[in-house]
Amino acid sequence: MSRANLSEANLSEANLSRADLSGANLYRAELRGANLSEADLSRADLSGANLSDADLSKANLSGANLNRADLHRADLRGAKWDEGTIWPAGFAGQTKGE
């Protein structure tokens, strides 16, 4: 699903573990409670997406745009990101990557 256009898609509770979503358009997607563990979200547009309660453990967020995304209670343990990753304003921990 690399570079897929999933803008505003409802993927709540979806199992997307290990999915290749690199460069995908997930603008304002509903991903509440989704399993995105070990998914490749590098360079994906997740701006405005609802990622509350999502499992992003060990996901690759390098270069991803998470501006205005809801990360409330999201599991980011072991996730990878870099200086190109854009975080929501005021998000704690955005300066540390694994």
N, C-alpha and C. Protein backbone atom coordinates (compact mmCIF):
# COMPACT_ATOMS: atom_id res chain seq x y z
N MET A 1 0.82 -1.18 0.00
CA MET A 1 0.00 0.00 0.00
C MET A 1 0.86 1.25 0.00
N SER A 2 2.09 1.08 -0.41
CA SER A 2 2.99 2.21 -0.52
C SER A 2 2.39 3.27 -1.42
N ARG A 3 2.42 4.53 -0.96
CA ARG A 3 1.92 5.70 -1.69
C ARG A 3 0.42 5.67 -1.96
N ALA A 4 -0.32 4.85 -1.21
CA ALA A 4 -1.78 4.78 -1.37
C ALA A 4 -2.44 6.06 -0.90
N ASN A 5 -3.56 6.41 -1.51
CA ASN A 5 -4.33 7.57 -1.09
C ASN A 5 -5.46 7.08 -0.19
N LEU A 6 -5.26 7.21 1.13
CA LEU A 6 -6.24 6.79 2.13
C LEU A 6 -6.71 8.00 2.92
N SER A 7 -6.72 9.14 2.28
CA SER A 7 -7.15 10.38 2.92
C SER A 7 -8.57 10.22 3.46
N GLU A 8 -8.75 10.54 4.72
CA GLU A 8 -10.04 10.51 5.43
C GLU A 8 -10.66 9.11 5.51
N ALA A 9 -9.87 8.07 5.26
CA ALA A 9 -10.38 6.69 5.36
C ALA A 9 -10.63 6.33 6.82
N ASN A 10 -11.63 5.49 7.06
CA ASN A 10 -11.90 5.00 8.40
C ASN A 10 -11.23 3.63 8.54
N LEU A 11 -10.11 3.63 9.26
CA LEU A 11 -9.35 2.41 9.49
C LEU A 11 -9.26 2.12 10.99
N SER A 12 -10.27 2.53 11.73
CA SER A 12 -10.31 2.29 13.17
C SER A 12 -10.20 0.79 13.45
N GLU A 13 -9.36 0.46 14.42
CA GLU A 13 -9.17 -0.92 14.86
C GLU A 13 -8.60 -1.84 13.78
N ALA A 14 -8.16 -1.31 12.65
CA ALA A 14 -7.61 -2.14 11.58
C ALA A 14 -6.27 -2.75 12.00
N ASN A 15 -6.00 -3.94 11.50
CA ASN A 15 -4.70 -4.57 11.74
C ASN A 15 -3.80 -4.27 10.54
N LEU A 16 -2.93 -3.29 10.72
CA LEU A 16 -1.99 -2.89 9.66
C LEU A 16 -0.56 -3.15 10.11
N SER A 17 -0.40 -4.12 10.99
CA SER A 17 0.92 -4.48 11.49
C SER A 17 1.82 -4.87 10.32
N ARG A 18 3.01 -4.30 10.29
CA ARG A 18 4.03 -4.56 9.26
C ARG A 18 3.63 -4.09 7.85
N ALA A 19 2.58 -3.30 7.74
CA ALA A 19 2.16 -2.81 6.42
C ALA A 19 3.16 -1.80 5.87
N ASP A 20 3.32 -1.80 4.56
CA ASP A 20 4.16 -0.80 3.90
C ASP A 20 3.26 0.36 3.48
N LEU A 21 3.25 1.40 4.29
CA LEU A 21 2.46 2.60 4.02
C LEU A 21 3.39 3.78 3.76
N SER A 22 4.59 3.49 3.31
CA SER A 22 5.56 4.56 3.05
C SER A 22 5.02 5.49 1.99
N GLY A 23 5.07 6.78 2.26
CA GLY A 23 4.61 7.79 1.33
C GLY A 23 3.10 7.85 1.14
N ALA A 24 2.35 7.10 1.96
CA ALA A 24 0.89 7.08 1.82
C ALA A 24 0.27 8.39 2.29
N ASN A 25 -0.88 8.72 1.69
CA ASN A 25 -1.65 9.88 2.09
C ASN A 25 -2.72 9.41 3.07
N LEU A 26 -2.49 9.67 4.37
CA LEU A 26 -3.43 9.31 5.42
C LEU A 26 -3.97 10.56 6.10
N TYR A 27 -4.05 11.65 5.34
CA TYR A 27 -4.53 12.93 5.85
C TYR A 27 -5.92 12.74 6.46
N ARG A 28 -6.06 13.15 7.72
CA ARG A 28 -7.31 13.09 8.47
C ARG A 28 -7.93 11.69 8.50
N ALA A 29 -7.11 10.65 8.37
CA ALA A 29 -7.61 9.28 8.46
C ALA A 29 -7.99 8.95 9.90
N GLU A 30 -8.97 8.10 10.05
CA GLU A 30 -9.42 7.63 11.35
C GLU A 30 -8.70 6.32 11.62
N LEU A 31 -7.68 6.38 12.50
CA LEU A 31 -6.86 5.21 12.82
C LEU A 31 -6.92 4.89 14.31
N ARG A 32 -7.99 5.32 14.96
CA ARG A 32 -8.15 5.10 16.40
C ARG A 32 -8.10 3.61 16.70
N GLY A 33 -7.19 3.21 17.60
CA GLY A 33 -7.07 1.83 18.02
C GLY A 33 -6.46 0.90 16.99
N ALA A 34 -5.95 1.42 15.88
CA ALA A 34 -5.38 0.57 14.83
C ALA A 34 -4.04 -0.03 15.28
N ASN A 35 -3.75 -1.21 14.78
CA ASN A 35 -2.47 -1.86 15.03
C ASN A 35 -1.54 -1.52 13.88
N LEU A 36 -0.61 -0.60 14.14
CA LEU A 36 0.39 -0.19 13.15
C LEU A 36 1.79 -0.59 13.60
N SER A 37 1.86 -1.59 14.47
CA SER A 37 3.17 -2.02 14.97
C SER A 37 4.04 -2.49 13.81
N GLU A 38 5.27 -2.05 13.82
CA GLU A 38 6.29 -2.39 12.81
C GLU A 38 5.91 -1.94 11.39
N ALA A 39 4.91 -1.08 11.25
CA ALA A 39 4.52 -0.58 9.92
C ALA A 39 5.55 0.44 9.42
N ASP A 40 5.70 0.50 8.12
CA ASP A 40 6.58 1.51 7.51
C ASP A 40 5.71 2.70 7.11
N LEU A 41 5.77 3.75 7.91
CA LEU A 41 5.03 4.98 7.67
C LEU A 41 5.97 6.11 7.28
N SER A 42 7.15 5.74 6.80
CA SER A 42 8.12 6.77 6.42
C SER A 42 7.55 7.64 5.30
N ARG A 43 7.71 8.95 5.45
CA ARG A 43 7.26 9.96 4.50
C ARG A 43 5.74 9.96 4.30
N ALA A 44 4.98 9.30 5.17
CA ALA A 44 3.52 9.30 5.07
C ALA A 44 2.95 10.61 5.59
N ASP A 45 1.84 11.05 5.00
CA ASP A 45 1.13 12.23 5.48
C ASP A 45 0.04 11.77 6.43
N LEU A 46 0.30 11.93 7.73
CA LEU A 46 -0.65 11.59 8.78
C LEU A 46 -1.19 12.84 9.44
N SER A 47 -1.09 13.97 8.75
CA SER A 47 -1.53 15.23 9.35
C SER A 47 -3.03 15.17 9.61
N GLY A 48 -3.42 15.56 10.80
CA GLY A 48 -4.81 15.57 11.20
C GLY A 48 -5.41 14.20 11.45
N ALA A 49 -4.62 13.14 11.37
CA ALA A 49 -5.13 11.78 11.59
C ALA A 49 -5.43 11.54 13.06
N ASN A 50 -6.42 10.70 13.32
CA ASN A 50 -6.72 10.30 14.68
C ASN A 50 -6.00 8.98 14.95
N LEU A 51 -4.92 9.06 15.73
CA LEU A 51 -4.12 7.90 16.09
C LEU A 51 -4.25 7.59 17.58
N SER A 52 -5.33 8.07 18.20
CA SER A 52 -5.49 7.82 19.63
C SER A 52 -5.64 6.31 19.86
N ASP A 53 -4.97 5.82 20.88
CA ASP A 53 -4.97 4.40 21.25
C ASP A 53 -4.37 3.49 20.19
N ALA A 54 -3.71 4.04 19.17
CA ALA A 54 -3.10 3.21 18.12
C ALA A 54 -1.78 2.61 18.62
N ASP A 55 -1.46 1.44 18.11
CA ASP A 55 -0.20 0.77 18.41
C ASP A 55 0.79 1.11 17.30
N LEU A 56 1.71 2.03 17.61
CA LEU A 56 2.77 2.42 16.67
C LEU A 56 4.12 1.89 17.12
N SER A 57 4.12 0.87 17.98
CA SER A 57 5.37 0.34 18.49
C SER A 57 6.22 -0.20 17.33
N LYS A 58 7.47 0.17 17.34
CA LYS A 58 8.45 -0.24 16.33
C LYS A 58 8.11 0.21 14.91
N ALA A 59 7.19 1.17 14.77
CA ALA A 59 6.85 1.71 13.44
C ALA A 59 7.96 2.64 12.97
N ASN A 60 8.11 2.75 11.66
CA ASN A 60 9.07 3.68 11.08
C ASN A 60 8.33 4.96 10.71
N LEU A 61 8.60 6.03 11.47
CA LEU A 61 7.95 7.33 11.26
C LEU A 61 8.93 8.35 10.66
N SER A 62 10.01 7.88 10.09
CA SER A 62 11.02 8.77 9.52
C SER A 62 10.41 9.62 8.41
N GLY A 63 10.49 10.93 8.57
CA GLY A 63 9.99 11.85 7.56
C GLY A 63 8.47 11.95 7.49
N ALA A 64 7.75 11.32 8.42
CA ALA A 64 6.29 11.36 8.41
C ALA A 64 5.79 12.72 8.89
N ASN A 65 4.64 13.13 8.37
CA ASN A 65 4.01 14.38 8.79
C ASN A 65 2.87 14.04 9.74
N LEU A 66 3.07 14.34 11.03
CA LEU A 66 2.06 14.08 12.06
C LEU A 66 1.48 15.39 12.60
N ASN A 67 1.62 16.46 11.84
CA ASN A 67 1.10 17.75 12.26
C ASN A 67 -0.40 17.65 12.53
N ARG A 68 -0.84 18.12 13.68
CA ARG A 68 -2.23 18.11 14.11
C ARG A 68 -2.81 16.71 14.30
N ALA A 69 -1.98 15.67 14.30
CA ALA A 69 -2.46 14.31 14.55
C ALA A 69 -2.77 14.14 16.04
N ASP A 70 -3.77 13.32 16.34
CA ASP A 70 -4.13 13.00 17.72
C ASP A 70 -3.37 11.74 18.11
N LEU A 71 -2.39 11.89 19.00
CA LEU A 71 -1.57 10.77 19.46
C LEU A 71 -1.88 10.39 20.91
N HIS A 72 -3.06 10.77 21.39
CA HIS A 72 -3.44 10.50 22.77
C HIS A 72 -3.44 9.00 23.03
N ARG A 73 -2.65 8.58 23.99
CA ARG A 73 -2.50 7.18 24.42
C ARG A 73 -1.95 6.26 23.31
N ALA A 74 -1.33 6.83 22.26
CA ALA A 74 -0.70 6.00 21.23
C ALA A 74 0.58 5.37 21.80
N ASP A 75 0.84 4.14 21.43
CA ASP A 75 2.03 3.42 21.87
C ASP A 75 3.14 3.65 20.85
N LEU A 76 4.15 4.43 21.25
CA LEU A 76 5.28 4.76 20.37
C LEU A 76 6.57 4.06 20.79
N ARG A 77 6.46 3.06 21.67
CA ARG A 77 7.66 2.37 22.15
C ARG A 77 8.42 1.73 20.99
N GLY A 78 9.69 2.07 20.90
CA GLY A 78 10.55 1.50 19.87
C GLY A 78 10.35 2.07 18.48
N ALA A 79 9.47 3.06 18.34
CA ALA A 79 9.26 3.68 17.01
C ALA A 79 10.50 4.43 16.59
N LYS A 80 10.73 4.49 15.28
CA LYS A 80 11.88 5.21 14.72
C LYS A 80 11.39 6.48 14.06
N TRP A 81 12.13 7.57 14.28
CA TRP A 81 11.84 8.81 13.58
C TRP A 81 13.13 9.57 13.40
N ASP A 82 13.10 10.60 12.60
CA ASP A 82 14.31 11.38 12.33
C ASP A 82 13.98 12.87 12.35
N GLU A 83 14.95 13.68 11.97
CA GLU A 83 14.76 15.13 11.98
C GLU A 83 13.72 15.59 10.97
N GLY A 84 13.36 14.76 10.03
CA GLY A 84 12.35 15.11 9.05
C GLY A 84 10.92 14.81 9.51
N THR A 85 10.78 14.12 10.63
CA THR A 85 9.46 13.82 11.17
C THR A 85 8.83 15.08 11.74
N ILE A 86 7.60 15.37 11.35
CA ILE A 86 6.90 16.56 11.83
C ILE A 86 5.87 16.11 12.86
N TRP A 87 6.02 16.63 14.09
CA TRP A 87 5.16 16.26 15.21
C TRP A 87 4.09 17.30 15.46
N PRO A 88 3.00 16.91 16.14
CA PRO A 88 2.00 17.90 16.53
C PRO A 88 2.63 18.94 17.46
N ALA A 89 2.17 20.17 17.39
CA ALA A 89 2.69 21.23 18.26
C ALA A 89 2.60 20.81 19.72
N GLY A 90 3.70 20.98 20.44
CA GLY A 90 3.73 20.68 21.86
C GLY A 90 3.87 19.21 22.21
N PHE A 91 4.03 18.34 21.22
CA PHE A 91 4.15 16.91 21.52
C PHE A 91 5.44 16.64 22.26
N ALA A 92 5.36 16.06 23.44
CA ALA A 92 6.54 15.76 24.25
C ALA A 92 7.26 14.54 23.68
N GLY A 93 8.57 14.62 23.62
CA GLY A 93 9.36 13.49 23.17
C GLY A 93 9.74 13.51 21.72
N GLN A 94 9.33 14.57 21.00
CA GLN A 94 9.61 14.57 19.57
C GLN A 94 11.09 14.74 19.24
N THR A 95 11.91 15.04 20.20
CA THR A 95 13.33 15.25 19.90
C THR A 95 14.14 13.96 20.06
N LYS A 96 13.51 12.88 20.52
CA LYS A 96 14.24 11.63 20.72
C LYS A 96 13.75 10.59 19.74
N GLY A 97 14.67 9.97 19.04
CA GLY A 97 14.31 8.88 18.14
C GLY A 97 15.08 7.64 18.51
N GLU A 98 14.65 6.52 18.02
CA GLU A 98 15.35 5.27 18.30
C GLU A 98 16.06 4.82 17.06
